[in-house]
């Protein structure tokens, strides 16, 4: 299938109107706008693709902006068969106009632009559909990450944003990404944690600290109790904290993250480097084995706070060659092999 062609703003408008006969694709009244089916701000290139445009009248433009008229309904009305979405969105995840994930039951999760004031105004009719729980974002590979060979992986197009910034480089741990709120705990899938021997400890940990997590805040923790593709022998703990998010969906600064870890008695994710961004130094950090344990790779983030919508700008990962392929086959269906923890002295 031919790749979509990026157009200028004027050519986008002219092309969409011409394709749709200058009529609203929903009601066939005269069209007044070439509507972006998925918001252009979610695309790094502006999203001016014919396959991302629909001719609409004023009434149906309002409905599309408010998301009471869905992206799929617009594509069907236009006869669009090629899905064009921002590169950081999973292709199997239905989203609304503003990039908010739509769940099978019709409810929604808060996406990149949810807290934008202009977006809040236009989606007011559907705000009751939104869950307060948030899916952990997809981490893009650093340009030199060998694990980016997998065709489904995404890569940062530039690291210029890090230059002159203070960053922290954490070891990328091979466990289960877990989010903790004051009233809920879930893995990356967003479903509540099913009973499983590998989850008993992290659920007990959450139960001991959840009352101290502020309303609307969440902790990002890696659950390392069970072996996935790496068998650890010298972990500091079976659960490590690597991010804290506030009630405005802002990832708090690294110094604040450490403060929360100390306050709640949580072990921090192992840090390999912290300081001014030095690309050549960071490229040399990864080693296949660190101590007695294999090392999956590392994750770099700015030490500053940043909003959820800028995650893919300020966080990147390096993954060892072949790790994705070696991780195939779900660990939950296998016998639980506990990882080892260092003995305290």
Protein backbone atom coordinates (compact mmCIF):
# COMPACT_ATOMS: atom_id res chain seq x y z
CA UNK A 1 0.00 0.00 0.00
CA UNK A 2 1.32 3.43 -0.95
CA UNK A 3 2.47 5.58 1.97
CA UNK A 4 0.30 8.64 2.70
CA UNK A 5 1.60 11.93 1.32
CA UNK A 6 2.20 14.85 3.66
CA UNK A 7 0.58 18.00 2.27
CA UNK A 8 0.79 21.70 2.96
CA UNK A 9 -2.09 23.22 4.92
CA UNK A 10 -3.65 24.75 1.79
CA UNK A 11 -3.25 21.60 -0.30
CA UNK A 12 -4.75 19.56 2.53
CA UNK A 13 -7.85 21.75 2.62
CA UNK A 14 -8.23 21.84 -1.16
CA UNK A 15 -7.63 18.10 -1.54
CA UNK A 16 -10.06 17.05 1.20
CA UNK A 17 -12.81 19.34 -0.15
CA UNK A 18 -12.25 18.09 -3.71
CA UNK A 19 -12.36 14.43 -2.67
CA UNK A 20 -15.61 14.95 -0.74
CA UNK A 21 -17.27 17.13 -3.40
CA UNK A 22 -17.25 20.16 -1.06
CA UNK A 23 -20.06 18.51 0.92
CA UNK A 24 -20.21 17.40 4.53
CA UNK A 25 -19.50 13.68 4.54
CA UNK A 26 -22.18 13.13 7.19
CA UNK A 27 -25.20 15.17 6.06
CA UNK A 28 -24.24 16.25 2.48
CA UNK A 29 -24.76 19.92 3.25
CA UNK A 30 -22.11 22.42 2.06
CA UNK A 31 -18.83 21.82 3.89
CA UNK A 32 -17.23 24.65 5.87
CA UNK A 33 -14.11 22.94 7.23
CA UNK A 34 -11.50 20.34 6.27
CA UNK A 35 -11.45 18.69 9.68
CA UNK A 36 -8.40 16.86 11.06
CA UNK A 37 -9.78 13.46 12.06
CA UNK A 38 -6.93 13.11 14.57
CA UNK A 39 -5.60 16.36 16.03
CA UNK A 40 -2.65 17.74 14.06
CA UNK A 41 -0.75 18.65 17.27
CA UNK A 42 -0.35 14.94 17.99
CA UNK A 43 1.69 14.47 14.82
CA UNK A 44 5.36 15.51 14.72
CA UNK A 45 4.83 16.64 11.11
CA UNK A 46 1.43 18.36 11.51
CA UNK A 47 -0.74 15.50 10.26
CA UNK A 48 -1.77 17.13 6.98
CA UNK A 49 -2.63 13.89 5.19
CA UNK A 50 -5.68 13.37 2.98
CA UNK A 51 -6.36 10.21 4.98
CA UNK A 52 -6.59 12.37 8.12
CA UNK A 53 -9.11 14.82 6.69
CA UNK A 54 -12.90 14.98 6.43
CA UNK A 55 -15.15 17.68 4.95
CA UNK A 56 -17.78 18.73 7.49
CA UNK A 57 -20.51 21.30 7.97
CA UNK A 58 -20.54 23.55 11.03
CA UNK A 59 -22.79 21.23 13.05
CA UNK A 60 -20.78 18.10 12.37
CA UNK A 61 -17.52 19.95 12.83
CA UNK A 62 -18.62 20.77 16.40
CA UNK A 63 -19.61 17.14 16.94
CA UNK A 64 -16.26 15.89 15.61
CA UNK A 65 -14.34 18.32 17.83
CA UNK A 66 -16.42 17.29 20.85
CA UNK A 67 -15.76 13.63 19.86
CA UNK A 68 -19.45 12.72 19.92
CA UNK A 69 -18.77 11.96 16.24
CA UNK A 70 -15.99 9.36 16.24
CA UNK A 71 -12.86 9.13 14.15
CA UNK A 72 -13.96 5.77 12.74
CA UNK A 73 -17.37 7.18 11.73
CA UNK A 74 -15.67 9.99 9.82
CA UNK A 75 -13.24 7.65 8.08
CA UNK A 76 -16.10 5.38 7.03
CA UNK A 77 -18.12 8.34 5.71
CA UNK A 78 -15.09 9.50 3.69
CA UNK A 79 -14.30 6.03 2.37
CA UNK A 80 -10.86 6.13 4.00
CA UNK A 81 -9.34 2.66 4.30
CA UNK A 82 -5.75 3.57 5.24
CA UNK A 83 -5.33 4.39 8.91
CA UNK A 84 -3.13 7.43 9.60
CA UNK A 85 -2.32 8.01 13.26
CA UNK A 86 0.54 9.65 15.21
CA UNK A 87 3.63 7.41 15.47
CA UNK A 88 3.46 7.12 19.25
CA UNK A 89 -0.06 5.65 19.20
CA UNK A 90 -0.48 1.88 19.09
CA UNK A 91 -2.30 0.92 15.89
CA UNK A 92 -4.58 -1.50 17.71
CA UNK A 93 -5.70 1.22 20.16
CA UNK A 94 -8.85 3.16 19.23
CA UNK A 95 -8.48 6.87 20.02
CA UNK A 96 -10.68 9.92 19.81
CA UNK A 97 -9.87 13.15 17.95
CA UNK A 98 -7.58 14.34 20.78
CA UNK A 99 -5.63 11.09 21.17
CA UNK A 100 -7.52 9.84 24.24
CA UNK A 101 -7.68 6.01 24.23
CA UNK A 102 -11.22 4.65 23.84
CA UNK A 103 -11.97 1.48 25.80
CA UNK A 104 -14.19 -1.36 24.52
CA UNK A 105 -16.99 -0.27 26.90
CA UNK A 106 -16.94 3.28 25.48
CA UNK A 107 -15.13 4.84 28.44
CA UNK A 108 -11.88 6.70 27.83
CA UNK A 109 -8.43 7.21 29.26
CA UNK A 110 -6.71 10.56 29.54
CA UNK A 111 -4.33 11.15 26.67
CA UNK A 112 -1.65 13.66 25.71
CA UNK A 113 -3.91 16.71 25.31
CA UNK A 114 -6.57 15.95 27.91
CA UNK A 115 -5.57 18.79 30.26
CA UNK A 116 -5.23 21.39 27.51
CA UNK A 117 -7.74 24.13 28.42
CA UNK A 118 -9.07 24.44 24.87
CA UNK A 119 -9.57 20.67 24.68
CA UNK A 120 -11.34 20.58 28.04
CA UNK A 121 -13.88 23.09 26.73
CA UNK A 122 -14.75 21.23 23.53
CA UNK A 123 -14.97 17.74 25.08
CA UNK A 124 -17.16 18.86 27.98
CA UNK A 125 -20.10 16.71 26.68
CA UNK A 126 -18.03 13.52 27.11
CA UNK A 127 -15.96 14.30 30.22
CA UNK A 128 -18.11 11.91 32.25
CA UNK A 129 -16.72 9.03 30.17
CA UNK A 130 -13.13 9.52 31.32
CA UNK A 131 -11.38 7.32 33.86
CA UNK A 132 -8.95 8.96 36.25
CA UNK A 133 -6.50 6.11 35.61
CA UNK A 134 -3.78 6.59 33.01
CA UNK A 135 -1.91 4.18 30.77
CA UNK A 136 1.88 4.37 31.03
CA UNK A 137 3.23 5.90 27.81
CA UNK A 138 5.16 4.08 25.15
CA UNK A 139 8.92 4.70 25.46
CA UNK A 140 10.74 5.40 22.20
CA UNK A 141 14.16 3.91 21.51
CA UNK A 142 17.26 6.08 21.46
CA UNK A 143 18.74 6.32 17.94
CA UNK A 144 21.64 3.99 18.90
CA UNK A 145 19.47 1.34 20.59
CA UNK A 146 19.98 -2.06 18.87
CA UNK A 147 16.63 -3.23 20.24
CA UNK A 148 14.89 -0.86 17.82
CA UNK A 149 15.34 -3.40 15.03
CA UNK A 150 11.86 -4.76 15.72
CA UNK A 151 9.50 -3.25 13.12
CA UNK A 152 6.90 -2.41 15.77
CA UNK A 153 9.30 -0.27 17.79
CA UNK A 154 9.55 3.53 17.59
CA UNK A 155 12.73 5.60 17.65
CA UNK A 156 13.42 9.17 18.79
CA UNK A 157 14.22 11.19 15.69
CA UNK A 158 16.57 13.48 17.62
CA UNK A 159 18.32 13.86 20.97
CA UNK A 160 18.95 17.59 20.54
CA UNK A 161 16.41 18.36 23.28
CA UNK A 162 18.69 16.78 25.90
CA UNK A 163 21.74 18.91 25.13
CA UNK A 164 22.64 21.19 28.03
CA UNK A 165 20.02 19.50 30.23
CA UNK A 166 20.53 17.52 33.41
CA UNK A 167 19.47 13.92 32.91
CA UNK A 168 19.30 10.70 34.86
CA UNK A 169 20.06 7.33 33.28
CA UNK A 170 18.39 4.39 35.01
CA UNK A 171 18.93 0.71 34.42
CA UNK A 172 16.06 -0.68 32.35
CA UNK A 173 14.61 -3.43 34.50
CA UNK A 174 13.01 -6.58 33.09
CA UNK A 175 9.81 -6.74 35.13
CA UNK A 176 6.15 -5.70 35.05
CA UNK A 177 5.35 -2.00 34.76
CA UNK A 178 2.88 -1.29 37.58
CA UNK A 179 0.92 1.89 38.41
CA UNK A 180 -0.20 2.60 41.98
CA UNK A 181 -2.95 5.07 43.00
CA UNK A 182 -4.56 5.60 46.38
CA UNK A 183 -7.48 3.39 45.32
CA UNK A 184 -6.26 1.24 42.41
CA UNK A 185 -3.30 -0.71 41.07
CA UNK A 186 -2.82 -1.88 37.51
CA UNK A 187 -0.22 -3.09 35.03
CA UNK A 188 0.38 -1.55 31.62
CA UNK A 189 -2.79 -3.19 30.27
CA UNK A 190 -4.87 -1.03 32.68
CA UNK A 191 -6.76 -4.07 33.98
CA UNK A 192 -6.67 -4.62 37.71
CA UNK A 193 -3.93 -7.03 38.74
CA UNK A 194 -5.23 -10.59 38.46
CA UNK A 195 -4.18 -12.95 41.25
CA UNK A 196 -0.76 -14.34 40.38
CA UNK A 197 2.13 -15.50 42.58
CA UNK A 198 4.44 -12.89 41.06
CA UNK A 199 2.10 -10.06 42.07
CA UNK A 200 1.40 -10.89 45.69
CA UNK A 201 4.30 -8.85 47.05
CA UNK A 202 3.74 -5.75 44.93
CA UNK A 203 0.04 -5.76 45.86
CA UNK A 204 0.95 -6.07 49.54
CA UNK A 205 3.42 -3.19 49.13
CA UNK A 206 0.72 -1.06 47.53
CA UNK A 207 -1.68 -1.91 50.35
CA UNK A 208 0.84 -0.62 52.88
CA UNK A 209 1.39 2.78 51.17
CA UNK A 210 -1.78 3.55 49.17
CA UNK A 211 -3.29 5.73 51.89
CA UNK A 212 -0.27 8.05 51.59
CA UNK A 213 -0.63 8.56 47.81
CA UNK A 214 -2.49 11.85 47.13
CA UNK A 215 -5.81 11.74 45.27
CA UNK A 216 -5.20 11.65 41.52
CA UNK A 217 -1.46 10.97 41.85
CA UNK A 218 0.21 7.72 40.82
CA UNK A 219 3.51 5.94 41.24
CA UNK A 220 5.26 4.05 38.44
CA UNK A 221 6.91 0.95 39.89
CA UNK A 222 8.66 -2.02 38.28
CA UNK A 223 7.56 -5.33 39.79
CA UNK A 224 10.64 -7.58 39.70
CA UNK A 225 9.56 -10.55 41.80
CA UNK A 226 9.45 -13.06 38.93
CA UNK A 227 11.94 -13.86 36.19
CA UNK A 228 10.76 -12.71 32.75
CA UNK A 229 13.66 -13.07 30.29
CA UNK A 230 16.42 -12.10 32.75
CA UNK A 231 17.00 -13.99 36.00
CA UNK A 232 18.24 -11.45 38.54
CA UNK A 233 20.33 -12.57 41.52
CA UNK A 234 21.34 -9.28 43.17
CA UNK A 235 18.35 -6.95 43.17
CA UNK A 236 18.08 -4.23 45.79
CA UNK A 237 14.36 -5.00 46.08
CA UNK A 238 11.55 -6.80 44.28
CA UNK A 239 9.86 -3.46 43.47
CA UNK A 240 11.59 -0.23 42.41
CA UNK A 241 10.18 3.26 41.91
CA UNK A 242 11.05 5.12 38.70
CA UNK A 243 8.43 7.88 38.28
CA UNK A 244 5.78 9.88 40.15
CA UNK A 245 2.85 11.58 38.39
CA UNK A 246 0.65 14.28 39.90
CA UNK A 247 -3.09 14.98 39.53
CA UNK A 248 -2.44 17.10 36.41
CA UNK A 249 -0.67 14.16 34.73
CA UNK A 250 2.76 15.77 35.10
CA UNK A 251 5.77 13.54 35.68
CA UNK A 252 7.41 15.14 38.68
CA UNK A 253 11.11 16.01 38.72
CA UNK A 254 13.71 13.40 39.58
CA UNK A 255 14.52 15.12 42.88
CA UNK A 256 10.84 15.01 43.85
CA UNK A 257 10.64 11.37 42.76
CA UNK A 258 13.47 10.51 45.13
CA UNK A 259 11.76 12.46 47.91
CA UNK A 260 8.59 10.44 47.42
CA UNK A 261 10.63 7.23 47.42
CA UNK A 262 12.18 8.18 50.75
CA UNK A 263 8.84 9.28 52.21
CA UNK A 264 7.13 6.02 51.28
CA UNK A 265 10.09 3.78 52.01
CA UNK A 266 10.44 2.65 48.38
CA UNK A 267 13.63 1.50 46.69
CA UNK A 268 14.63 3.62 43.70
CA UNK A 269 15.40 2.15 40.30
CA UNK A 270 19.19 1.71 39.96
CA UNK A 271 20.86 4.83 38.54
CA UNK A 272 23.81 4.46 36.16
CA UNK A 273 24.48 8.15 35.54
CA UNK A 274 23.12 11.49 36.70
CA UNK A 275 24.45 14.80 35.42
CA UNK A 276 24.69 17.01 32.34
CA UNK A 277 23.76 15.21 29.13
CA UNK A 278 26.85 13.70 27.52
CA UNK A 279 25.86 11.59 24.54
CA UNK A 280 29.20 9.88 23.97
CA UNK A 281 29.46 8.96 27.64
CA UNK A 282 25.89 7.65 27.71
CA UNK A 283 26.44 5.54 24.59
CA UNK A 284 29.21 3.70 26.48
CA UNK A 285 27.12 2.95 29.57
CA UNK A 286 25.48 -0.31 28.58
CA UNK A 287 27.09 -3.62 29.43
CA UNK A 288 25.47 -7.03 28.73
CA UNK A 289 26.22 -8.07 32.32
CA UNK A 290 26.28 -5.79 35.37
CA UNK A 291 27.72 -7.60 38.38
CA UNK A 292 26.26 -11.12 38.34
CA UNK A 293 23.12 -10.04 36.50
CA UNK A 294 22.38 -9.50 32.84
CA UNK A 295 21.35 -5.98 31.90
CA UNK A 296 18.46 -5.29 29.53
CA UNK A 297 19.55 -1.73 28.82
CA UNK A 298 18.88 1.73 30.21
CA UNK A 299 16.32 4.55 30.21
CA UNK A 300 17.22 8.23 30.04
CA UNK A 301 14.96 11.06 31.21
CA UNK A 302 15.35 14.74 31.96
CA UNK A 303 15.61 15.49 35.67
CA UNK A 304 13.02 18.26 35.18
CA UNK A 305 9.27 17.72 35.47
CA UNK A 306 7.34 17.34 32.19
CA UNK A 307 3.69 16.81 31.13
CA UNK A 308 2.40 13.46 29.92
CA UNK A 309 2.07 14.78 26.38
CA UNK A 310 5.84 15.42 26.23
CA UNK A 311 6.87 11.97 27.48
CA UNK A 312 8.10 10.84 24.07
CA UNK A 313 10.33 13.94 23.93
CA UNK A 314 11.97 13.63 27.35
CA UNK A 315 12.28 9.86 27.85
CA UNK A 316 14.18 7.35 25.69
CA UNK A 317 15.45 3.81 26.06
CA UNK A 318 18.37 1.65 25.01
CA UNK A 319 17.56 -2.05 24.74
CA UNK A 320 20.11 -4.79 24.16
CA UNK A 321 20.19 -6.66 20.84
CA UNK A 322 17.58 -9.42 20.63
CA UNK A 323 15.88 -8.68 23.96
CA UNK A 324 12.44 -8.14 22.37
CA UNK A 325 12.63 -11.44 20.49
CA UNK A 326 13.85 -13.27 23.60
CA UNK A 327 10.91 -11.88 25.58
CA UNK A 328 8.25 -13.46 23.36
CA UNK A 329 5.92 -15.86 25.16
CA UNK A 330 4.05 -14.47 28.13
CA UNK A 331 5.80 -14.94 31.47
CA UNK A 332 2.48 -15.36 33.33
CA UNK A 333 1.88 -18.71 31.64
CA UNK A 334 5.22 -20.07 32.85
CA UNK A 335 6.35 -21.41 36.19
CA UNK A 336 7.23 -18.56 38.57
CA UNK A 337 10.98 -18.32 39.16
CA UNK A 338 11.66 -15.72 41.88
CA UNK A 339 14.47 -13.23 41.31
CA UNK A 340 17.16 -12.95 43.97
CA UNK A 341 17.59 -10.01 46.32
CA UNK A 342 20.89 -8.92 47.88
CA UNK A 343 21.27 -9.79 51.54
CA UNK A 344 21.40 -6.66 53.72
CA UNK A 345 24.43 -6.23 55.93
